[in-house]
Amino acid sequence: MVDNSSDIRKTFNDYQDDSDLTLMRMYIPTGHNRENRKIEDVSFPTGSLALMIKREKDTLIPRGNTTILAGNTLILSVPAYRGENDGNLKEILIDTDHNWCNCAITDLNLPGNILISLTKRKDENIIPQGCTVIHSGDRVVIYK
């Protein structure tokens, strides 16, 4: 049976928009605990599936016996998060007078119940690390 009204040129992003599917990109640097291990021997988030591996200029469809190498980028489908009433997200606009401006996250001495979960800088979303420096104009999303 063929659906003639359907566009067969869908991408993973099209499916992600239509469902509770989230795509996750995972880069494997040298020394990573998944390096030189087979897909079937690696623990991934519950309900996830390794969809593809980008290896140099090649795109591989992984199987259980596919070995993950340093320099690979794995694309996983993971279940979408559906949290309700389990915390608060708050967005803070950082201006030049804010005490976080030009500070690395690790130097902020945040209370244990606060996590900076995202930094929005112009058109870029940054997943912050301790060394991430917050700049004037950033929108910092905290989880509390």
Protein backbone atom coordinates (compact mmCIF):
# COMPACT_ATOMS: atom_id res chain seq x y z
CA MET A 1 0.00 0.00 0.00
CA VAL A 2 1.39 3.39 -1.01
CA ASP A 3 0.36 6.78 0.30
CA ASN A 4 0.60 9.04 -2.77
CA SER A 5 0.01 12.14 -0.65
CA SER A 6 3.11 11.54 1.45
CA ASP A 7 6.47 13.15 0.72
CA ILE A 8 9.10 10.40 0.74
CA ARG A 9 11.93 12.90 1.08
CA LYS A 10 11.50 13.36 4.82
CA THR A 11 14.56 13.85 6.97
CA PHE A 12 15.12 12.81 10.56
CA ASN A 13 14.26 16.38 11.57
CA ASP A 14 10.85 16.07 9.86
CA TYR A 15 10.07 13.00 11.93
CA GLN A 16 11.33 14.73 15.05
CA ASP A 17 8.84 17.56 14.46
CA ASP A 18 5.98 15.06 14.05
CA SER A 19 6.55 12.99 17.19
CA ASP A 20 8.06 12.67 20.63
CA LEU A 21 11.44 11.90 19.08
CA THR A 22 14.55 13.87 19.91
CA LEU A 23 17.84 13.52 18.08
CA MET A 24 21.06 13.69 20.04
CA ARG A 25 24.56 14.17 18.62
CA MET A 26 27.42 12.59 20.55
CA TYR A 27 31.04 13.24 19.52
CA ILE A 28 33.57 10.57 20.56
CA PRO A 29 37.01 12.08 21.26
CA THR A 30 40.18 10.02 21.73
CA GLY A 31 40.10 8.33 25.14
CA HIS A 32 36.29 8.41 25.44
CA ASN A 33 34.88 5.41 27.35
CA ARG A 34 32.91 4.33 24.24
CA GLU A 35 35.95 4.42 21.92
CA ASN A 36 36.82 1.06 20.29
CA ARG A 37 33.66 -0.58 21.68
CA LYS A 38 30.85 -2.19 19.72
CA ILE A 39 27.40 -0.61 19.71
CA GLU A 40 25.96 -3.75 21.36
CA ASP A 41 28.43 -3.42 24.26
CA VAL A 42 27.73 0.25 25.02
CA SER A 43 25.09 1.55 27.39
CA PHE A 44 22.94 4.29 25.87
CA PRO A 45 19.99 6.12 27.46
CA THR A 46 16.91 3.90 27.94
CA GLY A 47 14.74 3.85 24.84
CA SER A 48 17.40 5.28 22.55
CA LEU A 49 18.66 3.95 19.23
CA ALA A 50 21.92 4.64 17.39
CA LEU A 51 20.70 5.88 13.99
CA MET A 52 23.94 6.76 12.25
CA ILE A 53 27.64 7.29 12.68
CA LYS A 54 29.47 10.09 10.90
CA ARG A 55 33.03 8.88 10.29
CA GLU A 56 35.20 11.33 8.38
CA LYS A 57 33.32 11.76 5.08
CA ASP A 58 31.23 8.58 5.45
CA THR A 59 27.83 8.05 7.03
CA LEU A 60 27.33 4.57 8.46
CA ILE A 61 24.15 2.84 9.54
CA PRO A 62 25.29 1.12 12.75
CA ARG A 63 24.55 -2.46 13.68
CA GLY A 64 25.28 -4.17 16.98
CA ASN A 65 28.74 -5.23 15.81
CA THR A 66 29.73 -1.75 14.54
CA THR A 67 32.79 -0.46 16.41
CA ILE A 68 32.79 3.15 17.62
CA LEU A 69 36.05 4.93 16.83
CA ALA A 70 37.65 8.13 18.09
CA GLY A 71 36.49 11.03 15.93
CA ASN A 72 33.08 9.47 15.24
CA THR A 73 29.90 11.44 15.73
CA LEU A 74 26.96 9.28 16.79
CA ILE A 75 23.41 10.36 16.06
CA LEU A 76 20.94 8.85 18.54
CA SER A 77 17.18 9.00 18.72
CA VAL A 78 16.14 9.43 22.32
CA PRO A 79 12.67 9.70 23.87
CA ALA A 80 11.51 13.28 24.29
CA TYR A 81 11.44 14.62 27.82
CA ARG A 82 7.96 15.32 29.15
CA GLY A 83 8.48 16.88 32.58
CA GLU A 84 5.70 18.57 34.42
CA ASN A 85 6.10 20.44 37.69
CA ASP A 86 9.54 19.03 38.41
CA GLY A 87 11.51 22.23 38.56
CA ASN A 88 11.58 25.74 37.24
CA LEU A 89 13.45 27.21 34.31
CA LYS A 90 14.23 30.88 34.44
CA GLU A 91 15.86 33.00 31.75
CA ILE A 92 18.18 35.83 32.79
CA LEU A 93 19.40 38.51 30.38
CA ILE A 94 23.01 39.38 31.20
CA ASP A 95 23.97 43.02 30.80
CA THR A 96 27.33 44.66 31.41
CA ASP A 97 26.35 45.46 35.03
CA HIS A 98 25.31 41.90 35.92
CA ASN A 99 27.73 40.26 38.39
CA TRP A 100 27.96 37.17 36.13
CA CYS A 101 29.14 39.19 33.11
CA ASN A 102 32.57 38.06 31.87
CA CYS A 103 32.75 35.28 34.49
CA ALA A 104 33.31 31.58 33.94
CA ILE A 105 30.50 29.42 35.32
CA THR A 106 32.89 27.59 37.62
CA ASP A 107 33.73 30.91 39.33
CA LEU A 108 30.10 31.81 40.14
CA ASN A 109 29.80 29.70 43.32
CA LEU A 110 26.17 28.89 42.56
CA PRO A 111 24.05 27.19 45.25
CA GLY A 112 23.72 23.42 44.85
CA ASN A 113 20.08 23.67 43.77
CA ILE A 114 20.84 25.90 40.73
CA LEU A 115 22.21 24.72 37.40
CA ILE A 116 22.95 26.85 34.35
CA SER A 117 21.42 24.61 31.70
CA LEU A 118 21.72 26.76 28.57
CA THR A 119 23.34 29.94 27.36
CA LYS A 120 21.72 31.64 24.39
CA ARG A 121 24.22 33.87 22.56
CA LYS A 122 22.78 35.62 19.51
CA ASP A 123 21.53 32.74 17.30
CA GLU A 124 23.59 30.09 19.10
CA ASN A 125 22.50 27.78 21.92
CA ILE A 126 25.45 26.80 24.08
CA ILE A 127 25.38 23.82 26.44
CA PRO A 128 27.55 25.33 29.16
CA GLN A 129 30.52 23.79 30.89
CA GLY A 130 32.41 25.10 33.90
CA CYS A 131 34.84 26.96 31.66
CA THR A 132 32.06 28.69 29.69
CA VAL A 133 32.35 32.47 30.09
CA ILE A 134 29.10 34.42 30.25
CA HIS A 135 29.06 37.60 28.13
CA SER A 136 26.94 40.73 28.02
CA GLY A 137 23.89 40.05 25.86
CA ASP A 138 23.76 36.34 26.75
CA ARG A 139 20.48 34.89 27.89
CA VAL A 140 21.26 32.36 30.62
CA VAL A 141 18.69 29.66 31.39
CA ILE A 142 18.89 28.32 34.92
CA TYR A 143 17.20 25.26 36.35
CA LYS A 144 16.16 25.58 39.97
